[in-house]
Protein backbone atom coordinates (compact mmCIF):
# COMPACT_ATOMS: atom_id res chain seq x y z
CA UNK A 1 14.13 -12.05 -6.43
CA UNK A 2 11.44 -10.76 -8.83
CA UNK A 3 8.41 -9.22 -7.19
CA UNK A 4 5.28 -8.21 -9.07
CA UNK A 5 3.34 -6.07 -6.60
CA UNK A 6 0.20 -5.94 -8.73
CA UNK A 7 -0.07 -9.70 -9.26
CA UNK A 8 -2.38 -10.24 -6.25
CA UNK A 9 -4.83 -7.80 -7.81
CA UNK A 10 -4.59 -9.56 -11.16
CA UNK A 11 -5.11 -12.99 -9.58
CA UNK A 12 -8.24 -11.70 -7.84
CA UNK A 13 -9.60 -10.31 -11.13
CA UNK A 14 -8.88 -13.62 -12.85
CA UNK A 15 -10.84 -15.49 -10.19
CA UNK A 16 -13.89 -13.35 -10.95
CA UNK A 17 -13.42 -13.99 -14.68
CA UNK A 18 -13.12 -17.73 -14.00
CA UNK A 19 -16.44 -17.74 -12.17
CA UNK A 20 -18.09 -16.02 -15.12
CA UNK A 21 -16.56 -18.53 -17.54
CA UNK A 22 -17.75 -21.43 -15.37
CA UNK A 23 -21.29 -20.05 -15.27
CA UNK A 24 -21.40 -19.85 -19.06
CA UNK A 25 -19.95 -23.35 -19.45
CA UNK A 26 -22.43 -24.78 -16.92
CA UNK A 27 -25.28 -23.13 -18.81
CA UNK A 28 -24.07 -24.77 -22.03
CA UNK A 29 -24.06 -21.59 -24.11
CA UNK A 30 -21.41 -20.08 -26.36
CA UNK A 31 -19.80 -16.71 -25.95
CA UNK A 32 -21.82 -15.39 -28.89
CA UNK A 33 -25.07 -16.67 -27.39
CA UNK A 34 -24.28 -15.06 -24.06
CA UNK A 35 -23.45 -11.76 -25.76
CA UNK A 36 -26.79 -11.82 -27.58
CA UNK A 37 -28.69 -12.49 -24.35
CA UNK A 38 -26.83 -9.71 -22.54
CA UNK A 39 -27.22 -7.20 -25.37
CA UNK A 40 -23.55 -6.58 -26.09
CA UNK A 41 -20.91 -7.71 -28.59
CA UNK A 42 -19.05 -11.01 -28.51
CA UNK A 43 -15.64 -9.26 -28.04
CA UNK A 44 -16.96 -7.83 -24.77
CA UNK A 45 -17.77 -11.34 -23.53
CA UNK A 46 -14.21 -12.38 -24.37
CA UNK A 47 -12.69 -9.39 -22.59
CA UNK A 48 -14.74 -10.04 -19.45
CA UNK A 49 -14.07 -13.75 -19.14
CA UNK A 50 -10.36 -13.33 -19.85
CA UNK A 51 -9.99 -10.59 -17.19
CA UNK A 52 -8.94 -7.98 -19.73
CA UNK A 53 -11.84 -5.71 -18.69
CA UNK A 54 -13.25 -5.59 -15.14
CA UNK A 55 -17.00 -6.23 -15.08
CA UNK A 56 -19.44 -3.65 -13.74
CA UNK A 57 -22.20 -4.77 -11.34
CA UNK A 58 -24.64 -4.44 -14.26
CA UNK A 59 -22.41 -6.68 -16.43
CA UNK A 60 -22.37 -9.35 -13.72
CA UNK A 61 -26.12 -9.11 -13.21
CA UNK A 62 -26.81 -9.58 -16.92
CA UNK A 63 -24.28 -12.41 -17.19
CA UNK A 64 -25.79 -14.33 -14.29
CA UNK A 65 -29.33 -13.81 -15.61
CA UNK A 66 -28.30 -15.02 -19.08
CA UNK A 67 -26.89 -18.18 -17.49
CA UNK A 68 -29.92 -18.79 -15.30
CA UNK A 69 -27.87 -18.10 -12.18
CA UNK A 70 -29.27 -14.79 -11.00
CA UNK A 71 -28.92 -15.85 -7.36
CA UNK A 72 -25.11 -15.79 -7.72
CA UNK A 73 -24.92 -12.20 -8.95
CA UNK A 74 -24.67 -10.55 -5.53
CA UNK A 75 -21.81 -12.79 -4.41
CA UNK A 76 -19.82 -12.28 -7.63
CA UNK A 77 -20.37 -8.51 -7.50
CA UNK A 78 -18.92 -8.48 -3.96
CA UNK A 79 -15.96 -10.58 -5.10
CA UNK A 80 -15.36 -8.21 -8.01
CA UNK A 81 -15.40 -5.20 -5.69
CA UNK A 82 -12.85 -6.89 -3.43
CA UNK A 83 -10.61 -7.50 -6.46
CA UNK A 84 -10.91 -3.87 -7.51
CA UNK A 85 -9.90 -2.69 -4.03
CA UNK A 86 -6.54 -4.47 -4.25
CA UNK A 87 -5.23 -1.85 -6.68
CA UNK A 88 -6.12 1.74 -5.78
CA UNK A 89 -4.94 4.74 -7.77
CA UNK A 90 -3.75 7.58 -5.53
CA UNK A 91 -5.54 10.17 -7.66
CA UNK A 92 -8.85 8.35 -7.22
CA UNK A 93 -8.28 7.64 -3.52
CA UNK A 94 -7.41 11.30 -2.87
CA UNK A 95 -10.39 12.79 -4.68
CA UNK A 96 -12.08 13.60 -1.37
CA UNK A 97 -8.89 15.17 0.00
CA UNK A 98 -5.61 14.04 1.50
CA UNK A 99 -6.98 14.55 5.03
CA UNK A 100 -9.72 11.98 4.40
CA UNK A 101 -7.11 9.61 2.97
CA UNK A 102 -5.06 9.80 6.19
CA UNK A 103 -8.13 9.10 8.29
CA UNK A 104 -9.04 6.06 6.18
CA UNK A 105 -6.10 4.14 7.69
CA UNK A 106 -7.13 4.55 11.34
CA UNK A 107 -9.22 1.38 11.55
CA UNK A 108 -6.46 -0.73 9.98
CA UNK A 109 -3.88 0.72 12.37
CA UNK A 110 -6.05 0.08 15.42
CA UNK A 111 -6.61 -3.56 14.44
CA UNK A 112 -2.95 -4.35 13.68
CA UNK A 113 -0.72 -5.80 16.39
CA UNK A 114 2.60 -6.06 14.50
CA UNK A 115 3.60 -3.42 11.96
CA UNK A 116 6.59 -4.02 9.68
CA UNK A 117 7.53 -1.02 7.56
CA UNK A 118 10.31 -0.60 5.02
CA UNK A 119 11.07 2.63 3.21
CA UNK A 120 13.92 3.39 0.81
CA UNK A 121 12.93 7.03 0.29
CA UNK A 122 10.84 8.55 3.09
CA UNK A 123 10.50 8.60 6.85
CA UNK A 124 7.67 6.13 7.61
CA UNK A 125 4.34 7.89 8.03
CA UNK A 126 3.98 6.79 11.67
CA UNK A 127 7.24 8.57 12.52
CA UNK A 128 6.66 11.77 10.55
CA UNK A 129 6.50 15.17 12.21
CA UNK A 130 3.81 17.60 11.13
CA UNK A 131 6.24 19.85 9.24
CA UNK A 132 7.79 16.96 7.30
CA UNK A 133 4.37 15.46 6.54
CA UNK A 134 3.03 18.83 5.39
CA UNK A 135 5.91 19.28 2.92
CA UNK A 136 5.50 15.74 1.60
CA UNK A 137 1.72 15.89 1.23
CA UNK A 138 1.88 19.28 -0.48
CA UNK A 139 4.23 17.82 -3.09
CA UNK A 140 1.84 14.87 -3.52
CA UNK A 141 -1.13 17.18 -4.04
CA UNK A 142 0.69 19.10 -6.78
CA UNK A 143 1.85 15.93 -8.50
CA UNK A 144 -1.64 14.39 -8.47
CA UNK A 145 -3.28 17.64 -9.54
CA UNK A 146 -5.70 17.70 -6.59
CA UNK A 147 -6.61 20.46 -4.09
CA UNK A 148 -3.85 21.04 -1.55
CA UNK A 149 -5.19 20.39 1.95
CA UNK A 150 -1.75 19.34 3.17
CA UNK A 151 -1.97 21.35 6.40
CA UNK A 152 -5.12 19.53 7.56
CA UNK A 153 -3.83 16.22 6.13
CA UNK A 154 -0.53 16.53 8.02
CA UNK A 155 -2.39 17.14 11.28
CA UNK A 156 -4.53 14.06 10.58
CA UNK A 157 -1.41 11.99 9.84
CA UNK A 158 0.16 13.00 13.16
CA UNK A 159 -3.12 12.26 14.96
CA UNK A 160 -3.35 8.73 13.53
CA UNK A 161 0.31 8.17 14.44
CA UNK A 162 -0.56 8.30 18.14
CA UNK A 163 -1.15 4.57 17.80
CA UNK A 164 2.58 4.07 18.46
CA UNK A 165 1.96 5.19 22.06
CA UNK A 166 -0.99 2.84 22.60
CA UNK A 167 -0.59 -0.61 24.18
CA UNK A 168 -1.09 -3.73 22.11
CA UNK A 169 0.98 -2.69 19.07
CA UNK A 170 4.59 -3.32 18.03
CA UNK A 171 6.47 -1.54 15.25
CA UNK A 172 9.52 -2.73 13.33
CA UNK A 173 10.63 0.01 10.94
CA UNK A 174 13.47 -0.07 8.45
CA UNK A 175 14.79 2.79 6.33
CA UNK A 176 17.69 3.15 3.97
CA UNK A 177 20.26 5.70 5.19
CA UNK A 178 19.42 7.92 2.20
CA UNK A 179 16.05 8.66 3.84
CA UNK A 180 17.96 10.77 6.40
CA UNK A 181 19.44 12.86 3.59
CA UNK A 182 16.45 13.44 1.32
CA UNK A 183 15.27 16.85 2.52
CA UNK A 184 11.56 17.62 2.58
CA UNK A 185 10.61 21.09 3.72
CA UNK A 186 13.21 23.62 4.91
CA UNK A 187 16.25 22.80 7.03
CA UNK A 188 14.42 23.50 10.29
CA UNK A 189 11.59 21.11 9.39
CA UNK A 190 14.08 18.43 8.38
CA UNK A 191 16.14 18.91 11.55
CA UNK A 192 12.96 18.57 13.65
CA UNK A 193 12.07 15.39 11.79
CA UNK A 194 15.48 13.85 12.33
CA UNK A 195 15.40 14.89 15.97
CA UNK A 196 12.06 13.16 16.40
CA UNK A 197 13.56 9.96 14.99
CA UNK A 198 16.01 9.98 17.88
CA UNK A 199 13.09 10.19 20.31
CA UNK A 200 10.67 7.80 18.59
CA UNK A 201 13.37 5.23 17.96
CA UNK A 202 13.81 4.91 21.73
CA UNK A 203 10.14 4.06 22.40
CA UNK A 204 9.67 0.57 23.91
CA UNK A 205 7.24 -0.49 21.17
CA UNK A 206 9.41 0.76 18.28
CA UNK A 207 12.41 -0.92 16.66
CA UNK A 208 14.03 1.49 14.19
CA UNK A 209 16.70 0.07 11.92
CA UNK A 210 18.77 2.01 9.39
CA UNK A 211 20.50 0.27 6.50
CA UNK A 212 23.82 2.11 5.99
CA UNK A 213 24.65 3.34 2.51
CA UNK A 214 28.10 1.84 2.98
CA UNK A 215 26.72 -1.68 3.51
CA UNK A 216 28.99 -4.07 1.62
CA UNK A 217 27.72 -7.06 -0.29
CA UNK A 218 24.05 -6.37 0.25
CA UNK A 219 22.00 -9.55 0.42
CA UNK A 220 19.03 -7.69 -1.12
CA UNK A 221 18.86 -4.52 -3.16
CA UNK A 222 16.57 -1.62 -2.10
CA UNK A 223 12.92 -2.48 -2.68
CA UNK A 224 9.73 -0.50 -3.20
CA UNK A 225 8.20 1.07 -0.11
CA UNK A 226 6.03 -1.52 1.62
CA UNK A 227 4.20 -2.10 4.90
CA UNK A 228 3.21 -5.49 6.35
CA UNK A 229 0.22 -5.57 8.70
CA UNK A 230 0.47 -8.61 10.96
CA UNK A 231 1.10 -11.55 8.59
CA UNK A 232 -1.91 -11.15 6.34
CA UNK A 233 -1.70 -7.89 4.36
CA UNK A 234 1.08 -6.08 2.51
CA UNK A 235 0.54 -2.55 1.24
CA UNK A 236 2.94 -1.56 -1.54
CA UNK A 237 3.21 2.12 -2.44
CA UNK A 238 3.91 2.85 -6.10
CA UNK A 239 4.08 6.26 -7.76
CA UNK A 240 0.58 5.96 -9.17
CA UNK A 241 -1.20 3.59 -6.82
CA UNK A 242 -1.31 1.53 -3.67
CA UNK A 243 -1.35 -2.24 -4.15
CA UNK A 244 -2.80 -4.52 -1.48
CA UNK A 245 -1.13 -7.94 -1.47
CA UNK A 246 -3.13 -10.66 0.28
CA UNK A 247 -2.11 -13.85 -1.53
CA UNK A 248 -0.29 -15.92 1.14
CA UNK A 249 2.63 -16.85 -1.12
CA UNK A 250 3.27 -13.19 -1.96
CA UNK A 251 2.90 -12.06 1.65
CA UNK A 252 5.50 -14.71 2.55
CA UNK A 253 7.82 -13.30 -0.13
CA UNK A 254 7.61 -9.82 1.38
CA UNK A 255 8.17 -11.19 4.88
CA UNK A 256 11.27 -12.98 3.63
CA UNK A 257 12.52 -9.78 1.95
CA UNK A 258 11.86 -7.81 5.14
CA UNK A 259 13.97 -10.20 7.20
CA UNK A 260 16.85 -9.92 4.74
CA UNK A 261 16.65 -6.13 4.86
CA UNK A 262 16.38 -6.19 8.67
CA UNK A 263 19.56 -8.21 8.87
CA UNK A 264 21.52 -5.45 7.12
CA UNK A 265 20.27 -2.64 9.39
CA UNK A 266 21.98 -1.08 12.39
CA UNK A 267 20.15 -0.23 15.59
CA UNK A 268 20.57 1.61 18.88
CA UNK A 269 23.73 3.70 19.20
CA UNK A 270 24.84 2.98 15.61
CA UNK A 271 21.49 4.11 14.21
CA UNK A 272 21.47 7.22 16.40
CA UNK A 273 24.98 8.10 15.18
CA UNK A 274 23.76 8.05 11.56
CA UNK A 275 20.83 10.32 12.46
CA UNK A 276 23.06 12.78 14.33
CA UNK A 277 25.44 12.83 11.35
CA UNK A 278 22.53 13.71 9.05
CA UNK A 279 21.42 16.51 11.41
CA UNK A 280 24.94 17.96 11.43
CA UNK A 281 25.02 17.87 7.62
CA UNK A 282 22.04 20.27 7.51
CA UNK A 283 24.13 23.13 8.95
């Protein structure tokens, strides 16, 4: 089942480009004429209306003015900003610090009723202990080449995770069994993290499923880490960026994949046994 996690962002950019093309066509001018009116080269016009280059607000303003449609500039600029937000580079998002990045999710978490989270590599952020989160975020800071405020960021991550204890939210979380074995931090930090999974997995609002490594005849191979917020937004975490998927057909694809993965997971006593086994392996 091929999934292109950046395609929603590309579709949004293409919609902006289509609006620019339509404005030029409605004005009855050629690409060369538009370029002359805007004060740039014809190749730039081609790049903008074929979505190869994202337009700046100034580009859109000039384009609309050249087509006699200045009143549409504000709306197209807003649409272009929305398209740009669908694909966010971690390095750019973390420029103001990892602590600020953690806090930026609070509003989304508060407004979401049903969380679906799948991770093939890490304990989901909402279930991370401070020690585990600190080790993870410190590694991220080094990899991105940004200042390391992992201690403050880890505290902020744990603070935002208190949403799992608040009424009005449900959490369905899936991890591959390997997540229990990938050690972040020292053995004590990892043991504390695994111990917390035993506690958090028993919360009434939390369903924690673990897909055993020994699963035979998987119906779906491990996917990229993704979160589904209600039924309207999917956040896909890549090495370099976060991709927001909002196109209904793509959201439906992720929901279908989640259900297939959920069907392979074990829960309750079987899940706890896998966690306990991973704790014992630390010693």
